[in-house]
């Protein structure tokens, strides 16, 4: 048997539950579905972040900005 979870609602949560149960779903079913969908979104976002971090950065363009700024300042003196 599943665990029971109790939480306090506020006006925003009550409105969200009204929206989620507008199709006749029970509050319990709507909350369960919302939790599952939130978990899927969070896992997908984490995977997207990992994919971005795995992306190759390409080859450096050979431009050393610090060196160029230093050289330009030397010329100004």
C-alpha atoms as a PDB file:
ATOM      1  CA  UNK A   1       0.000   0.000   0.000  1.00  0.00           C
ATOM      2  CA  UNK A   2       1.204   3.521  -0.778  1.00  0.00           C
ATOM      3  CA  UNK A   3       2.120   6.065   1.857  1.00  0.00           C
ATOM      4  CA  UNK A   4      -0.227   8.902   2.641  1.00  0.00           C
ATOM      5  CA  UNK A   5       1.105  12.429   2.293  1.00  0.00           C
ATOM      6  CA  UNK A   6      -0.592  15.411   3.888  1.00  0.00           C
ATOM      7  CA  UNK A   7       0.196  19.002   2.960  1.00  0.00           C
ATOM      8  CA  UNK A   8      -1.261  22.413   3.629  1.00  0.00           C
ATOM      9  CA  UNK A   9      -2.671  24.363   0.752  1.00  0.00           C
ATOM     10  CA  UNK A  10      -2.897  28.075   0.192  1.00  0.00           C
ATOM     11  CA  UNK A  11      -4.970  30.057  -2.285  1.00  0.00           C
ATOM     12  CA  UNK A  12      -2.515  29.453  -5.145  1.00  0.00           C
ATOM     13  CA  UNK A  13      -2.417  25.727  -4.477  1.00  0.00           C
ATOM     14  CA  UNK A  14      -6.195  25.547  -4.240  1.00  0.00           C
ATOM     15  CA  UNK A  15      -6.496  27.348  -7.572  1.00  0.00           C
ATOM     16  CA  UNK A  16      -3.964  24.963  -9.136  1.00  0.00           C
ATOM     17  CA  UNK A  17      -5.910  21.995  -7.786  1.00  0.00           C
ATOM     18  CA  UNK A  18      -9.125  23.448  -9.202  1.00  0.00           C
ATOM     19  CA  UNK A  19      -7.460  23.704 -12.601  1.00  0.00           C
ATOM     20  CA  UNK A  20      -6.031  20.176 -12.381  1.00  0.00           C
ATOM     21  CA  UNK A  21      -9.325  18.627 -11.295  1.00  0.00           C
ATOM     22  CA  UNK A  22     -11.473  20.557 -13.771  1.00  0.00           C
ATOM     23  CA  UNK A  23     -11.676  17.428 -15.952  1.00  0.00           C
ATOM     24  CA  UNK A  24     -13.228  15.418 -13.133  1.00  0.00           C
ATOM     25  CA  UNK A  25      -9.997  13.939 -11.792  1.00  0.00           C
ATOM     26  CA  UNK A  26      -9.783  13.452  -8.063  1.00  0.00           C
ATOM     27  CA  UNK A  27      -7.463  15.689  -6.081  1.00  0.00           C
ATOM     28  CA  UNK A  28      -5.358  12.669  -5.237  1.00  0.00           C
ATOM     29  CA  UNK A  29      -4.991  11.639  -8.889  1.00  0.00           C
ATOM     30  CA  UNK A  30      -4.233  15.211  -9.958  1.00  0.00           C
ATOM     31  CA  UNK A  31      -1.552  15.610  -7.294  1.00  0.00           C
ATOM     32  CA  UNK A  32      -0.011  12.234  -8.136  1.00  0.00           C
ATOM     33  CA  UNK A  33       0.097  13.138 -11.852  1.00  0.00           C
ATOM     34  CA  UNK A  34       1.565  16.586 -11.129  1.00  0.00           C
ATOM     35  CA  UNK A  35       4.329  15.053  -8.999  1.00  0.00           C
ATOM     36  CA  UNK A  36       5.189  12.522 -11.704  1.00  0.00           C
ATOM     37  CA  UNK A  37       5.238  15.200 -14.419  1.00  0.00           C
ATOM     38  CA  UNK A  38       7.425  17.470 -12.277  1.00  0.00           C
ATOM     39  CA  UNK A  39       9.900  14.623 -11.761  1.00  0.00           C
ATOM     40  CA  UNK A  40      10.052  13.929 -15.505  1.00  0.00           C
ATOM     41  CA  UNK A  41      10.662  17.627 -16.233  1.00  0.00           C
ATOM     42  CA  UNK A  42      13.416  17.814 -13.607  1.00  0.00           C
ATOM     43  CA  UNK A  43      15.119  14.656 -14.932  1.00  0.00           C
ATOM     44  CA  UNK A  44      14.885  15.981 -18.502  1.00  0.00           C
ATOM     45  CA  UNK A  45      16.382  19.338 -17.459  1.00  0.00           C
ATOM     46  CA  UNK A  46      19.231  17.588 -15.640  1.00  0.00           C
ATOM     47  CA  UNK A  47      19.947  15.444 -18.703  1.00  0.00           C
ATOM     48  CA  UNK A  48      19.925  18.535 -20.929  1.00  0.00           C
ATOM     49  CA  UNK A  49      22.447  20.227 -18.603  1.00  0.00           C
ATOM     50  CA  UNK A  50      24.674  17.131 -18.701  1.00  0.00           C
ATOM     51  CA  UNK A  51      24.416  17.041 -22.510  1.00  0.00           C
ATOM     52  CA  UNK A  52      25.471  20.682 -22.751  1.00  0.00           C
ATOM     53  CA  UNK A  53      28.433  20.020 -20.472  1.00  0.00           C
ATOM     54  CA  UNK A  54      29.482  17.096 -22.691  1.00  0.00           C
ATOM     55  CA  UNK A  55      29.387  19.220 -25.862  1.00  0.00           C
ATOM     56  CA  UNK A  56      32.774  19.740 -27.459  1.00  0.00           C
ATOM     57  CA  UNK A  57      33.967  23.301 -27.172  1.00  0.00           C
ATOM     58  CA  UNK A  58      35.787  23.239 -30.484  1.00  0.00           C
ATOM     59  CA  UNK A  59      39.298  24.367 -31.155  1.00  0.00           C
ATOM     60  CA  UNK A  60      40.588  27.597 -29.652  1.00  0.00           C
ATOM     61  CA  UNK A  61      40.871  30.394 -32.187  1.00  0.00           C
ATOM     62  CA  UNK A  62      44.406  31.257 -31.168  1.00  0.00           C
ATOM     63  CA  UNK A  63      43.482  34.740 -29.960  1.00  0.00           C
ATOM     64  CA  UNK A  64      44.866  35.610 -26.531  1.00  0.00           C
ATOM     65  CA  UNK A  65      42.806  38.619 -25.481  1.00  0.00           C
ATOM     66  CA  UNK A  66      44.918  39.319 -22.396  1.00  0.00           C
ATOM     67  CA  UNK A  67      48.075  39.399 -24.502  1.00  0.00           C
ATOM     68  CA  UNK A  68      46.493  41.721 -27.055  1.00  0.00           C
ATOM     69  CA  UNK A  69      45.268  44.131 -24.371  1.00  0.00           C
ATOM     70  CA  UNK A  70      48.691  44.121 -22.742  1.00  0.00           C
ATOM     71  CA  UNK A  71      50.389  44.863 -26.069  1.00  0.00           C
ATOM     72  CA  UNK A  72      47.934  47.674 -26.819  1.00  0.00           C
ATOM     73  CA  UNK A  73      48.596  49.257 -23.430  1.00  0.00           C
ATOM     74  CA  UNK A  74      52.345  49.045 -23.998  1.00  0.00           C
ATOM     75  CA  UNK A  75      51.892  50.907 -27.288  1.00  0.00           C
ATOM     76  CA  UNK A  76      49.892  53.627 -25.516  1.00  0.00           C
ATOM     77  CA  UNK A  77      52.721  54.365 -23.091  1.00  0.00           C
END
